[in-house]
PDB file of N, CA and C in Angstrom:
ATOM      1  N   MET A   1     -63.329  10.039  59.204  1.00  0.00           N
ATOM      2  CA  MET A   1     -62.975  10.786  58.246  1.00  0.00           C
ATOM      3  C   MET A   1     -61.755  11.241  58.514  1.00  0.00           C
ATOM      4  N   MET A   2     -61.459  11.664  59.767  1.00  0.00           N
ATOM      5  CA  MET A   2     -59.985  12.343  59.782  1.00  0.00           C
ATOM      6  C   MET A   2     -58.951  11.043  59.835  1.00  0.00           C
ATOM      7  N   ARG A   3     -59.276  10.067  60.150  1.00  0.00           N
ATOM      8  CA  ARG A   3     -58.429   9.031  60.355  1.00  0.00           C
ATOM      9  C   ARG A   3     -57.764   8.737  59.185  1.00  0.00           C
ATOM     10  N   PRO A   4     -58.220   8.454  57.898  1.00  0.00           N
ATOM     11  CA  PRO A   4     -57.463   8.319  56.635  1.00  0.00           C
ATOM     12  C   PRO A   4     -56.591   9.537  56.251  1.00  0.00           C
ATOM     13  N   ALA A   5     -57.318  10.687  56.493  1.00  0.00           N
ATOM     14  CA  ALA A   5     -56.183  11.763  56.198  1.00  0.00           C
ATOM     15  C   ALA A   5     -54.940  11.698  57.291  1.00  0.00           C
ATOM     16  N   PHE A   6     -55.294  11.460  58.485  1.00  0.00           N
ATOM     17  CA  PHE A   6     -54.043  11.337  59.522  1.00  0.00           C
ATOM     18  C   PHE A   6     -53.149  10.267  59.189  1.00  0.00           C
ATOM     19  N   CYS A   7     -53.304   9.282  58.682  1.00  0.00           N
ATOM     20  CA  CYS A   7     -52.691   8.045  58.181  1.00  0.00           C
ATOM     21  C   CYS A   7     -51.643   8.683  56.994  1.00  0.00           C
ATOM     22  N   LEU A   8     -52.413   9.241  56.268  1.00  0.00           N
ATOM     23  CA  LEU A   8     -52.020   9.828  54.934  1.00  0.00           C
ATOM     24  C   LEU A   8     -50.737  10.688  55.158  1.00  0.00           C
ATOM     25  N   MET A   9     -50.933  11.460  56.296  1.00  0.00           N
ATOM     26  CA  MET A   9     -50.041  12.598  56.558  1.00  0.00           C
ATOM     27  C   MET A   9     -48.665  11.894  57.273  1.00  0.00           C
ATOM     28  N   ILE A  10     -48.839  10.957  58.019  1.00  0.00           N
ATOM     29  CA  ILE A  10     -47.905  10.326  58.570  1.00  0.00           C
ATOM     30  C   ILE A  10     -47.345   9.441  57.740  1.00  0.00           C
ATOM     31  N   SER A  11     -47.566   8.846  56.717  1.00  0.00           N
ATOM     32  CA  SER A  11     -46.905   7.931  55.582  1.00  0.00           C
ATOM     33  C   SER A  11     -46.043   8.874  54.905  1.00  0.00           C
ATOM     34  N   GLY A  12     -46.776  10.181  54.507  1.00  0.00           N
ATOM     35  CA  GLY A  12     -46.075  11.061  53.478  1.00  0.00           C
ATOM     36  C   GLY A  12     -44.783  11.752  54.539  1.00  0.00           C
ATOM     37  N   LEU A  13     -45.170  12.032  55.784  1.00  0.00           N
ATOM     38  CA  LEU A  13     -43.979  12.392  56.697  1.00  0.00           C
ATOM     39  C   LEU A  13     -42.526  11.654  56.779  1.00  0.00           C
ATOM     40  N   LEU A  14     -43.075  10.314  56.998  1.00  0.00           N
ATOM     41  CA  LEU A  14     -42.391   9.497  56.877  1.00  0.00           C
ATOM     42  C   LEU A  14     -41.325   8.958  55.586  1.00  0.00           C
ATOM     43  N   LEU A  15     -41.836   8.984  54.692  1.00  0.00           N
ATOM     44  CA  LEU A  15     -41.564   8.717  53.191  1.00  0.00           C
ATOM     45  C   LEU A  15     -41.166  10.074  52.822  1.00  0.00           C
ATOM     46  N   ALA A  16     -41.052  11.358  53.052  1.00  0.00           N
ATOM     47  CA  ALA A  16     -40.262  12.592  53.418  1.00  0.00           C
ATOM     48  C   ALA A  16     -38.919  12.659  54.134  1.00  0.00           C
ATOM     49  N   LEU A  17     -39.223  12.185  55.161  1.00  0.00           N
ATOM     50  CA  LEU A  17     -37.840  12.156  56.181  1.00  0.00           C
ATOM     51  C   LEU A  17     -36.922  11.072  55.612  1.00  0.00           C
ATOM     52  N   SER A  18     -37.397   9.941  54.943  1.00  0.00           N
ATOM     53  CA  SER A  18     -36.482   8.612  54.430  1.00  0.00           C
ATOM     54  C   SER A  18     -35.739   9.470  53.222  1.00  0.00           C
ATOM     55  N   ALA A  19     -36.616  10.451  52.433  1.00  0.00           N
ATOM     56  CA  ALA A  19     -36.068  10.416  51.250  1.00  0.00           C
ATOM     57  C   ALA A  19     -35.174  11.794  50.881  1.00  0.00           C
ATOM     58  N   CYS A  20     -34.765  12.777  52.113  1.00  0.00           N
ATOM     59  CA  CYS A  20     -34.372  14.073  51.924  1.00  0.00           C
ATOM     60  C   CYS A  20     -32.729  13.903  52.585  1.00  0.00           C
ATOM     61  N   ASN A  21     -32.337  14.661  52.168  1.00  0.00           N
ATOM     62  CA  ASN A  21     -30.398  14.551  52.534  1.00  0.00           C
ATOM     63  C   ASN A  21     -30.168  15.512  53.311  1.00  0.00           C
ATOM     64  N   THR A  22     -30.991  16.849  53.127  1.00  0.00           N
ATOM     65  CA  THR A  22     -30.310  17.900  54.051  1.00  0.00           C
ATOM     66  C   THR A  22     -31.540  18.203  54.790  1.00  0.00           C
ATOM     67  N   VAL A  23     -30.840  19.397  55.650  1.00  0.00           N
ATOM     68  CA  VAL A  23     -32.257  19.822  56.528  1.00  0.00           C
ATOM     69  C   VAL A  23     -33.095  20.573  55.474  1.00  0.00           C
ATOM     70  N   GLN A  24     -32.361  21.609  54.742  1.00  0.00           N
ATOM     71  CA  GLN A  24     -33.249  22.419  53.655  1.00  0.00           C
ATOM     72  C   GLN A  24     -34.234  21.400  53.018  1.00  0.00           C
ATOM     73  N   GLY A  25     -33.767  19.992  52.602  1.00  0.00           N
ATOM     74  CA  GLY A  25     -34.799  19.044  52.221  1.00  0.00           C
ATOM     75  C   GLY A  25     -35.714  18.831  53.273  1.00  0.00           C
ATOM     76  N   VAL A  26     -35.477  18.683  54.320  1.00  0.00           N
ATOM     77  CA  VAL A  26     -36.082  18.086  55.443  1.00  0.00           C
ATOM     78  C   VAL A  26     -37.368  19.554  55.370  1.00  0.00           C
ATOM     79  N   GLY A  27     -36.888  20.544  55.480  1.00  0.00           N
ATOM     80  CA  GLY A  27     -37.929  21.570  55.462  1.00  0.00           C
ATOM     81  C   GLY A  27     -38.733  21.772  54.336  1.00  0.00           C
ATOM     82  N   ARG A  28     -38.282  21.524  53.298  1.00  0.00           N
ATOM     83  CA  ARG A  28     -39.293  21.186  52.279  1.00  0.00           C
ATOM     84  C   ARG A  28     -40.220  20.032  51.915  1.00  0.00           C
ATOM     85  N   ASP A  29     -39.951  18.876  52.540  1.00  0.00           N
ATOM     86  CA  ASP A  29     -40.515  17.832  52.127  1.00  0.00           C
ATOM     87  C   ASP A  29     -41.701  17.969  53.641  1.00  0.00           C
ATOM     88  N   ILE A  30     -41.612  18.453  54.419  1.00  0.00           N
ATOM     89  CA  ILE A  30     -42.587  18.653  55.690  1.00  0.00           C
ATOM     90  C   ILE A  30     -43.419  19.779  55.143  1.00  0.00           C
ATOM     91  N   GLU A  31     -43.255  20.800  54.569  1.00  0.00           N
ATOM     92  CA  GLU A  31     -43.825  21.901  54.060  1.00  0.00           C
ATOM     93  C   GLU A  31     -45.101  21.363  52.943  1.00  0.00           C
ATOM     94  N   SER A  32     -44.274  20.381  52.049  1.00  0.00           N
ATOM     95  CA  SER A  32     -45.297  19.586  51.196  1.00  0.00           C
ATOM     96  C   SER A  32     -46.495  18.827  51.970  1.00  0.00           C
ATOM     97  N   VAL A  33     -45.728  18.004  52.870  1.00  0.00           N
ATOM     98  CA  VAL A  33     -46.766  16.870  53.335  1.00  0.00           C
ATOM     99  C   VAL A  33     -47.623  18.005  54.087  1.00  0.00           C
ATOM    100  N   GLY A  34     -47.646  19.239  54.749  1.00  0.00           N
ATOM    101  CA  GLY A  34     -48.603  19.670  55.506  1.00  0.00           C
ATOM    102  C   GLY A  34     -49.594  20.101  54.401  1.00  0.00           C
ATOM    103  N   THR A  35     -49.077  20.459  53.296  1.00  0.00           N
ATOM    104  CA  THR A  35     -50.001  21.210  52.011  1.00  0.00           C
ATOM    105  C   THR A  35     -50.668  20.116  51.639  1.00  0.00           C
ATOM    106  N   ALA A  36     -50.430  18.918  51.332  1.00  0.00           N
ATOM    107  CA  ALA A  36     -51.126  17.688  51.232  1.00  0.00           C
ATOM    108  C   ALA A  36     -52.040  17.477  52.239  1.00  0.00           C
ATOM    109  N   GLY A  37     -51.606  17.460  53.341  1.00  0.00           N
ATOM    110  CA  GLY A  37     -52.589  17.351  54.402  1.00  0.00           C
ATOM    111  C   GLY A  37     -54.013  18.181  54.334  1.00  0.00           C
ATOM    112  N   LYS A  38     -53.454  19.489  54.327  1.00  0.00           N
ATOM    113  CA  LYS A  38     -54.365  20.623  54.455  1.00  0.00           C
ATOM    114  C   LYS A  38     -55.255  20.240  53.251  1.00  0.00           C
ATOM    115  N   ASP A  39     -55.048  19.922  51.889  1.00  0.00           N
ATOM    116  CA  ASP A  39     -55.786  19.675  50.498  1.00  0.00           C
ATOM    117  C   ASP A  39     -56.556  18.438  51.173  1.00  0.00           C
ATOM    118  N   ALA A  40     -56.004  17.573  51.733  1.00  0.00           N
ATOM    119  CA  ALA A  40     -56.798  16.180  52.019  1.00  0.00           C
ATOM    120  C   ALA A  40     -58.082  16.565  52.931  1.00  0.00           C
ATOM    121  N   ILE A  41     -57.621  17.356  53.979  1.00  0.00           N
ATOM    122  CA  ILE A  41     -58.936  17.636  54.794  1.00  0.00           C
ATOM    123  C   ILE A  41     -59.654  18.649  53.936  1.00  0.00           C
ATOM    124  N   ARG A  42     -59.641  19.421  53.450  1.00  0.00           N
ATOM    125  CA  ARG A  42     -60.771  19.993  52.564  1.00  0.00           C
ATOM    126  C   ARG A  42     -61.548  19.320  51.956  1.00  0.00           C
TER     127      ARG A  42
END
């Protein structure tokens, strides 16, 4: 059960890193991935 959530978080992180242009954008993207991961685990 933990594996799909982990794969989703890694995929989201890779997508976020490829989509952002600034350091501030990276921070926002990582924060949103973390939030989505928490929601997926609950």
